[in-house]
Amino acid sequence: MDDIIYIAREEWKAGETEKALKILGSPELLENAEAFFLSGEIHYSRQDWGLALNCFRRCLQINPDFVAAQTYVDLILNILGFFHTDQFNP
């Protein structure tokens, strides 16, 4: 399984994000925290916040001790919850 994740990571580095996501969608990776983490990183880099959040949360369901995934969840929630009060002052 590590080989599949490595191949997906290399595809992503080469700019082939769709190909990498297709590889990571492989049925044998459905219970692999690292695969969901990489999928989350790809979606995060594309600013697909909802998809990234879902991937990182699934990663945490599989492995609750995955600190980097929790960090990404916190970052995304901060991004989505950002509220700039000066926008509403005349």
C-alpha atoms as a PDB file:
ATOM      1  CA  MET A   1       0.000   0.000   0.000  1.00  0.00           C
ATOM      2  CA  ASP A   2       2.881   2.358   0.663  1.00  0.00           C
ATOM      3  CA  ASP A   3       3.848   1.986  -3.000  1.00  0.00           C
ATOM      4  CA  ILE A   4       0.413   3.151  -4.119  1.00  0.00           C
ATOM      5  CA  ILE A   5       0.568   6.189  -1.848  1.00  0.00           C
ATOM      6  CA  TYR A   6       4.108   6.947  -3.055  1.00  0.00           C
ATOM      7  CA  ILE A   7       2.946   6.818  -6.687  1.00  0.00           C
ATOM      8  CA  ALA A   8       0.016   9.123  -5.899  1.00  0.00           C
ATOM      9  CA  ARG A   9       2.347  11.579  -4.140  1.00  0.00           C
ATOM     10  CA  GLU A  10       4.692  11.595  -7.144  1.00  0.00           C
ATOM     11  CA  GLU A  11       1.773  12.220  -9.515  1.00  0.00           C
ATOM     12  CA  TRP A  12       0.665  15.149  -7.341  1.00  0.00           C
ATOM     13  CA  LYS A  13       4.201  16.587  -7.317  1.00  0.00           C
ATOM     14  CA  ALA A  14       4.225  16.308 -11.116  1.00  0.00           C
ATOM     15  CA  GLY A  15       1.037  18.378 -11.268  1.00  0.00           C
ATOM     16  CA  GLU A  16      -1.288  15.466 -12.004  1.00  0.00           C
ATOM     17  CA  THR A  17      -3.734  16.079  -9.163  1.00  0.00           C
ATOM     18  CA  GLU A  18      -6.700  14.327 -10.769  1.00  0.00           C
ATOM     19  CA  LYS A  19      -4.584  11.263 -11.443  1.00  0.00           C
ATOM     20  CA  ALA A  20      -3.303  11.284  -7.857  1.00  0.00           C
ATOM     21  CA  LEU A  21      -6.838  11.538  -6.451  1.00  0.00           C
ATOM     22  CA  LYS A  22      -7.972   8.681  -8.672  1.00  0.00           C
ATOM     23  CA  ILE A  23      -5.138   6.509  -7.370  1.00  0.00           C
ATOM     24  CA  LEU A  24      -5.992   7.431  -3.776  1.00  0.00           C
ATOM     25  CA  GLY A  25      -9.626   6.455  -4.379  1.00  0.00           C
ATOM     26  CA  SER A  26      -8.542   2.843  -4.786  1.00  0.00           C
ATOM     27  CA  PRO A  27     -10.695   0.414  -2.730  1.00  0.00           C
ATOM     28  CA  GLU A  28      -7.706  -1.080  -0.921  1.00  0.00           C
ATOM     29  CA  LEU A  29      -6.963   2.337   0.608  1.00  0.00           C
ATOM     30  CA  LEU A  30     -10.382   2.838   2.225  1.00  0.00           C
ATOM     31  CA  GLU A  31      -8.981   2.191   5.706  1.00  0.00           C
ATOM     32  CA  ASN A  32      -5.600   3.851   5.204  1.00  0.00           C
ATOM     33  CA  ALA A  33      -5.100   7.067   7.182  1.00  0.00           C
ATOM     34  CA  GLU A  34      -2.083   8.131   5.111  1.00  0.00           C
ATOM     35  CA  ALA A  35      -4.122   7.922   1.887  1.00  0.00           C
ATOM     36  CA  PHE A  36      -6.844  10.154   3.322  1.00  0.00           C
ATOM     37  CA  PHE A  37      -4.211  12.544   4.643  1.00  0.00           C
ATOM     38  CA  LEU A  38      -2.623  12.870   1.200  1.00  0.00           C
ATOM     39  CA  SER A  39      -6.053  13.338  -0.386  1.00  0.00           C
ATOM     40  CA  GLY A  40      -6.708  16.068   2.149  1.00  0.00           C
ATOM     41  CA  GLU A  41      -3.421  17.772   1.329  1.00  0.00           C
ATOM     42  CA  ILE A  42      -4.272  17.730  -2.366  1.00  0.00           C
ATOM     43  CA  HIS A  43      -7.718  19.222  -1.783  1.00  0.00           C
ATOM     44  CA  TYR A  44      -6.237  21.758   0.636  1.00  0.00           C
ATOM     45  CA  SER A  45      -3.722  22.888  -1.992  1.00  0.00           C
ATOM     46  CA  ARG A  46      -6.631  23.393  -4.406  1.00  0.00           C
ATOM     47  CA  GLN A  47      -8.561  25.330  -1.747  1.00  0.00           C
ATOM     48  CA  ASP A  48     -11.354  22.751  -1.794  1.00  0.00           C
ATOM     49  CA  TRP A  49     -11.965  23.307   1.907  1.00  0.00           C
ATOM     50  CA  GLY A  50     -14.957  21.015   2.333  1.00  0.00           C
ATOM     51  CA  LEU A  51     -13.349  18.058   0.577  1.00  0.00           C
ATOM     52  CA  ALA A  52     -10.083  18.590   2.427  1.00  0.00           C
ATOM     53  CA  LEU A  53     -11.880  18.768   5.756  1.00  0.00           C
ATOM     54  CA  ASN A  54     -13.735  15.536   5.021  1.00  0.00           C
ATOM     55  CA  CYS A  55     -10.495  13.763   4.135  1.00  0.00           C
ATOM     56  CA  PHE A  56      -8.656  14.947   7.240  1.00  0.00           C
ATOM     57  CA  ARG A  57     -11.590  14.011   9.473  1.00  0.00           C
ATOM     58  CA  ARG A  58     -11.721  10.531   7.920  1.00  0.00           C
ATOM     59  CA  CYS A  59      -7.981  10.248   8.515  1.00  0.00           C
ATOM     60  CA  LEU A  60      -8.590  11.074  12.181  1.00  0.00           C
ATOM     61  CA  GLN A  61     -11.373   8.490  12.404  1.00  0.00           C
ATOM     62  CA  ILE A  62      -8.933   5.830  11.249  1.00  0.00           C
ATOM     63  CA  ASN A  63      -6.026   7.125  13.350  1.00  0.00           C
ATOM     64  CA  PRO A  64      -7.045   9.585  16.097  1.00  0.00           C
ATOM     65  CA  ASP A  65      -3.369  10.248  16.922  1.00  0.00           C
ATOM     66  CA  PHE A  66      -2.562  11.696  13.464  1.00  0.00           C
ATOM     67  CA  VAL A  67      -1.443  15.129  14.695  1.00  0.00           C
ATOM     68  CA  ALA A  68      -0.834  16.655  11.256  1.00  0.00           C
ATOM     69  CA  ALA A  69      -4.397  15.847  10.191  1.00  0.00           C
ATOM     70  CA  GLN A  70      -5.758  17.575  13.298  1.00  0.00           C
ATOM     71  CA  THR A  71      -3.603  20.601  12.513  1.00  0.00           C
ATOM     72  CA  TYR A  72      -5.114  20.811   9.022  1.00  0.00           C
ATOM     73  CA  VAL A  73      -8.631  20.484  10.472  1.00  0.00           C
ATOM     74  CA  ASP A  74      -7.921  23.406  12.799  1.00  0.00           C
ATOM     75  CA  LEU A  75      -6.485  25.486   9.934  1.00  0.00           C
ATOM     76  CA  ILE A  76      -9.487  24.858   7.699  1.00  0.00           C
ATOM     77  CA  LEU A  77     -11.953  25.660  10.466  1.00  0.00           C
ATOM     78  CA  ASN A  78     -10.088  28.932  11.061  1.00  0.00           C
ATOM     79  CA  ILE A  79     -10.242  29.741   7.356  1.00  0.00           C
ATOM     80  CA  LEU A  80     -13.949  28.969   7.134  1.00  0.00           C
ATOM     81  CA  GLY A  81     -14.710  30.809  10.351  1.00  0.00           C
ATOM     82  CA  PHE A  82     -12.758  33.966   9.537  1.00  0.00           C
ATOM     83  CA  PHE A  83     -14.817  37.074  10.091  1.00  0.00           C
ATOM     84  CA  HIS A  84     -13.402  40.488   9.300  1.00  0.00           C
ATOM     85  CA  THR A  85     -15.337  43.057  11.331  1.00  0.00           C
ATOM     86  CA  ASP A  86     -13.911  46.024   9.431  1.00  0.00           C
ATOM     87  CA  GLN A  87     -15.776  44.948   6.316  1.00  0.00           C
ATOM     88  CA  PHE A  88     -19.028  45.917   7.992  1.00  0.00           C
ATOM     89  CA  ASN A  89     -17.965  49.279   9.430  1.00  0.00           C
ATOM     90  CA  PRO A  90     -18.785  52.319   7.290  1.00  0.00           C
END
